[in-house]
Amino acid sequence: MLVVQIKDGEPIEKALKKFKKKFEKTGVVKELRNRQKFTKPSVVYREGKKKAIYVKKTYYTEEA
């Protein structure tokens, strides 16, 4: 259960923003989207490998 502490006089928009941030960190929406369709383990592995290659390339191009 998410709890957001608000101070006296704090606008509700700020509290809502804190709540949204905490909710996003839990990963509930991301998990729901992943469960809507089945992806084969080999496809998940392949996508992870592609992402790792991309991140590695961007990391090394920034250093140079």
Protein backbone atom coordinates (compact mmCIF):
# COMPACT_ATOMS: atom_id res chain seq x y z
CA MET A 1 0.00 0.00 0.00
CA LEU A 2 1.37 3.38 -1.00
CA VAL A 3 1.36 6.15 1.54
CA VAL A 4 2.20 9.74 0.69
CA GLN A 5 2.94 12.10 3.55
CA ILE A 6 1.75 15.64 2.93
CA LYS A 7 2.48 18.70 5.01
CA ASP A 8 0.01 21.35 6.07
CA GLY A 9 -0.63 23.80 3.27
CA GLU A 10 0.98 21.58 0.63
CA PRO A 11 -0.99 21.64 -2.63
CA ILE A 12 -2.80 18.46 -3.65
CA GLU A 13 -1.08 18.55 -7.05
CA LYS A 14 2.30 18.09 -5.38
CA ALA A 15 1.00 15.14 -3.36
CA LEU A 16 -0.50 13.60 -6.48
CA LYS A 17 2.84 13.98 -8.26
CA LYS A 18 4.59 12.17 -5.38
CA PHE A 19 2.00 9.40 -5.52
CA LYS A 20 2.39 8.94 -9.27
CA LYS A 21 6.18 8.74 -8.90
CA LYS A 22 5.95 6.11 -6.15
CA PHE A 23 3.39 4.13 -8.14
CA GLU A 24 5.58 4.16 -11.24
CA LYS A 25 8.55 2.88 -9.22
CA THR A 26 6.55 -0.16 -8.10
CA GLY A 27 6.37 -1.35 -11.73
CA VAL A 28 2.73 -2.50 -11.55
CA VAL A 29 1.71 -1.02 -14.91
CA LYS A 30 4.82 -2.39 -16.62
CA GLU A 31 4.09 -5.86 -15.24
CA LEU A 32 0.47 -5.70 -16.41
CA ARG A 33 1.53 -4.80 -19.93
CA ASN A 34 4.03 -7.65 -19.99
CA ARG A 35 1.38 -10.15 -18.86
CA GLN A 36 -1.09 -9.16 -21.59
CA LYS A 37 0.84 -11.16 -24.15
CA PHE A 38 3.18 -14.11 -23.96
CA THR A 39 6.70 -13.69 -25.28
CA LYS A 40 8.95 -16.66 -25.73
CA PRO A 41 12.01 -16.78 -23.48
CA SER A 42 14.28 -16.77 -26.53
CA VAL A 43 12.71 -13.51 -27.72
CA VAL A 44 13.11 -11.94 -24.28
CA TYR A 45 16.77 -13.03 -24.26
CA ARG A 46 17.33 -11.65 -27.75
CA GLU A 47 15.74 -8.28 -26.89
CA GLY A 48 17.84 -8.04 -23.73
CA LYS A 49 20.96 -8.76 -25.74
CA LYS A 50 20.05 -6.05 -28.27
CA LYS A 51 19.47 -3.56 -25.48
CA ALA A 52 22.82 -4.40 -23.87
CA ILE A 53 24.62 -3.90 -27.18
CA TYR A 54 22.88 -0.55 -27.70
CA VAL A 55 23.74 0.66 -24.20
CA LYS A 56 27.34 -0.44 -24.59
CA LYS A 57 27.66 1.41 -27.90
CA THR A 58 26.19 4.62 -26.50
CA TYR A 59 28.41 4.38 -23.43
CA TYR A 60 31.60 4.06 -25.46
CA THR A 61 30.64 6.79 -27.95
CA GLU A 62 30.06 9.28 -25.11
CA GLU A 63 33.52 8.65 -23.64
CA ALA A 64 35.39 9.24 -26.90
